[in-house]
Amino acid sequence: MLVCLILEVAGGTVILLNGTESSQLTPFLQTTLNKLILDSNYDANANYYLQTVQEKVGCCGSRSYMDYGKSNLPIPDSCRDAISGNVYHEGCVEKFSIFIEKRAGWIAGIAIFVAVLQLLLICFTFAYIRTIRYHDDSGRKQRYEGVAQS
């Protein structure tokens, strides 16, 4: 539990100080999305995940719609605005990083709140154990005094 507490405080602090730009999130997303683009032609799951991300986020490719041209693949319909039919120019990595960056303060705040809550619960647990031991010891003492007097 102490390890989780330390990781939560460290993670919250890192997010607050650095944001997503200097984290490993951006390279991870870029690698994952590039793999999904390459695999989407023959893997139904990869195609589903990629289409879902592009439609929900409103983006296309990893860096831009040109990722499909580099992979010799046609631009899918999930890269187009449903109303106008125009291709999304922003890549999913940038859009998702902006999405996370806007919420980084909230994410860090929640992580630090949970860490403080865990710390309080740890303190209450030790106080409770101490109270139980105190009452248990005083009960034994009274029993032994009663036996010794008889």
Protein backbone atom coordinates (compact mmCIF):
# COMPACT_ATOMS: atom_id res chain seq x y z
CA MET A 1 0.00 0.00 0.00
CA LEU A 2 2.91 2.30 0.74
CA VAL A 3 4.33 1.64 -2.73
CA CYS A 4 0.98 2.62 -4.31
CA LEU A 5 0.94 5.76 -2.22
CA ILE A 6 4.42 6.75 -3.37
CA LEU A 7 3.61 5.98 -7.03
CA GLU A 8 0.41 8.05 -6.91
CA VAL A 9 2.17 11.09 -5.45
CA ALA A 10 5.08 10.72 -7.89
CA GLY A 11 2.75 10.27 -10.88
CA GLY A 12 0.62 13.26 -9.92
CA THR A 13 3.71 15.41 -9.46
CA VAL A 14 5.24 14.35 -12.79
CA ILE A 15 2.01 15.11 -14.64
CA LEU A 16 1.74 18.53 -13.02
CA LEU A 17 5.37 19.46 -13.70
CA ASN A 18 5.85 18.02 -17.18
CA GLY A 19 2.45 17.44 -18.78
CA THR A 20 2.26 14.96 -21.64
CA GLU A 21 4.91 16.42 -23.94
CA SER A 22 7.95 15.13 -22.06
CA SER A 23 6.28 11.90 -20.97
CA GLN A 24 6.38 8.51 -22.64
CA LEU A 25 2.72 8.86 -23.64
CA THR A 26 3.37 10.61 -26.96
CA PRO A 27 5.89 8.08 -28.35
CA PHE A 28 3.74 5.20 -27.08
CA LEU A 29 0.63 6.57 -28.81
CA GLN A 30 2.54 7.22 -32.02
CA THR A 31 3.97 3.70 -32.13
CA THR A 32 0.61 2.13 -31.28
CA LEU A 33 -1.35 4.13 -33.87
CA ASN A 34 1.23 3.47 -36.61
CA LYS A 35 0.98 -0.26 -35.88
CA LEU A 36 -2.83 -0.06 -35.97
CA ILE A 37 -2.70 1.70 -39.35
CA LEU A 38 -0.46 -1.00 -40.80
CA ASP A 39 -2.48 -3.83 -39.26
CA SER A 40 -5.92 -2.37 -40.07
CA ASN A 41 -5.84 -3.75 -43.61
CA TYR A 42 -5.91 -7.39 -42.48
CA ASP A 43 -6.76 -7.36 -38.73
CA ALA A 44 -10.43 -6.69 -37.95
CA ASN A 45 -9.71 -5.75 -34.33
CA ALA A 46 -7.01 -3.24 -35.30
CA ASN A 47 -9.35 -1.76 -37.89
CA TYR A 48 -12.16 -1.48 -35.33
CA TYR A 49 -9.95 0.21 -32.71
CA LEU A 50 -8.47 2.62 -35.23
CA GLN A 51 -11.86 3.59 -36.66
CA THR A 52 -13.31 4.07 -33.19
CA VAL A 53 -10.46 6.36 -32.11
CA GLN A 54 -10.56 8.40 -35.31
CA GLU A 55 -14.33 8.83 -35.26
CA LYS A 56 -14.63 9.64 -31.55
CA VAL A 57 -11.60 11.93 -31.33
CA GLY A 58 -12.01 13.54 -34.75
CA CYS A 59 -8.52 12.85 -36.03
CA CYS A 60 -6.75 10.94 -38.77
CA GLY A 61 -3.64 8.80 -38.60
CA SER A 62 -0.87 9.06 -36.09
CA ARG A 63 0.54 12.45 -37.12
CA SER A 64 -1.84 13.32 -39.93
CA TYR A 65 -3.88 11.85 -42.77
CA MET A 66 -0.63 11.48 -44.74
CA ASP A 67 0.27 8.43 -42.61
CA TYR A 68 -2.08 6.44 -44.82
CA GLY A 69 -0.32 7.60 -47.98
CA LYS A 70 3.04 6.58 -46.53
CA SER A 71 1.59 3.13 -45.87
CA ASN A 72 0.06 2.95 -49.38
CA LEU A 73 -3.45 2.74 -47.90
CA PRO A 74 -6.51 4.77 -48.84
CA ILE A 75 -7.82 7.30 -46.34
CA PRO A 76 -10.73 5.58 -44.53
CA ASP A 77 -14.16 7.11 -43.98
CA SER A 78 -13.45 7.31 -40.24
CA CYS A 79 -10.94 10.07 -41.11
CA ARG A 80 -13.67 12.24 -42.56
CA ASP A 81 -16.11 14.60 -40.89
CA ALA A 82 -19.55 12.96 -40.95
CA ILE A 83 -21.31 16.15 -42.04
CA SER A 84 -18.91 17.87 -44.44
CA GLY A 85 -16.94 14.84 -45.64
CA ASN A 86 -13.66 16.76 -45.20
CA VAL A 87 -10.59 14.85 -44.07
CA TYR A 88 -9.38 15.54 -40.54
CA HIS A 89 -5.94 17.13 -40.80
CA GLU A 90 -4.84 16.68 -37.19
CA GLY A 91 -3.23 13.44 -36.13
CA CYS A 92 -4.63 11.39 -33.27
CA VAL A 93 -1.47 11.65 -31.17
CA GLU A 94 -1.68 15.45 -31.09
CA LYS A 95 -5.44 15.51 -30.44
CA PHE A 96 -5.24 12.89 -27.71
CA SER A 97 -2.24 14.63 -26.08
CA ILE A 98 -4.15 17.91 -26.04
CA PHE A 99 -7.15 16.10 -24.55
CA ILE A 100 -5.01 14.64 -21.75
CA GLU A 101 -3.06 17.89 -21.26
CA LYS A 102 -6.26 19.84 -20.64
CA ARG A 103 -7.22 17.35 -17.95
CA ALA A 104 -3.74 16.82 -16.46
CA GLY A 105 -4.49 19.06 -13.49
CA TRP A 106 -7.62 17.10 -12.67
CA ILE A 107 -5.87 13.76 -13.14
CA ALA A 108 -2.98 14.83 -10.89
CA GLY A 109 -5.38 16.29 -8.33
CA ILE A 110 -7.38 13.08 -8.14
CA ALA A 111 -4.19 11.00 -7.82
CA ILE A 112 -2.90 13.20 -4.99
CA PHE A 113 -6.32 13.22 -3.27
CA VAL A 114 -6.43 9.42 -3.33
CA ALA A 115 -2.87 9.30 -1.97
CA VAL A 116 -3.77 11.64 0.92
CA LEU A 117 -6.90 9.57 1.60
CA GLN A 118 -4.79 6.41 1.72
CA LEU A 119 -2.36 8.09 4.11
CA LEU A 120 -5.23 9.06 6.42
CA LEU A 121 -6.61 5.52 6.31
CA ILE A 122 -3.19 4.14 7.21
CA CYS A 123 -3.03 6.50 10.22
CA PHE A 124 -6.56 5.55 11.31
CA THR A 125 -5.70 1.85 10.98
CA PHE A 126 -2.65 2.20 13.24
CA ALA A 127 -4.69 4.19 15.77
CA TYR A 128 -7.42 1.53 15.73
CA ILE A 129 -4.91 -1.29 16.23
CA ARG A 130 -3.34 0.61 19.11
CA THR A 131 -6.76 1.14 20.74
CA ILE A 132 -7.62 -2.56 20.42
CA ARG A 133 -4.29 -3.56 21.98
CA TYR A 134 -4.74 -1.08 24.83
CA HIS A 135 -8.22 -2.37 25.67
CA ASP A 136 -7.10 -5.97 25.29
CA ASP A 137 -4.13 -5.41 27.63
CA SER A 138 -6.22 -3.59 30.26
CA GLY A 139 -8.84 -6.39 30.18
CA ARG A 140 -6.16 -9.02 30.79
CA LYS A 141 -4.70 -6.99 33.60
CA GLN A 142 -8.11 -6.80 35.37
CA ARG A 143 -8.70 -10.54 34.95
CA TYR A 144 -5.29 -11.41 36.37
CA GLU A 145 -5.75 -9.07 39.33
CA GLY A 146 -9.09 -10.73 40.10
CA VAL A 147 -7.52 -14.23 39.97
CA ALA A 148 -4.57 -13.18 42.14
CA GLN A 149 -6.86 -11.80 44.88
CA SER A 150 -8.92 -14.97 45.23
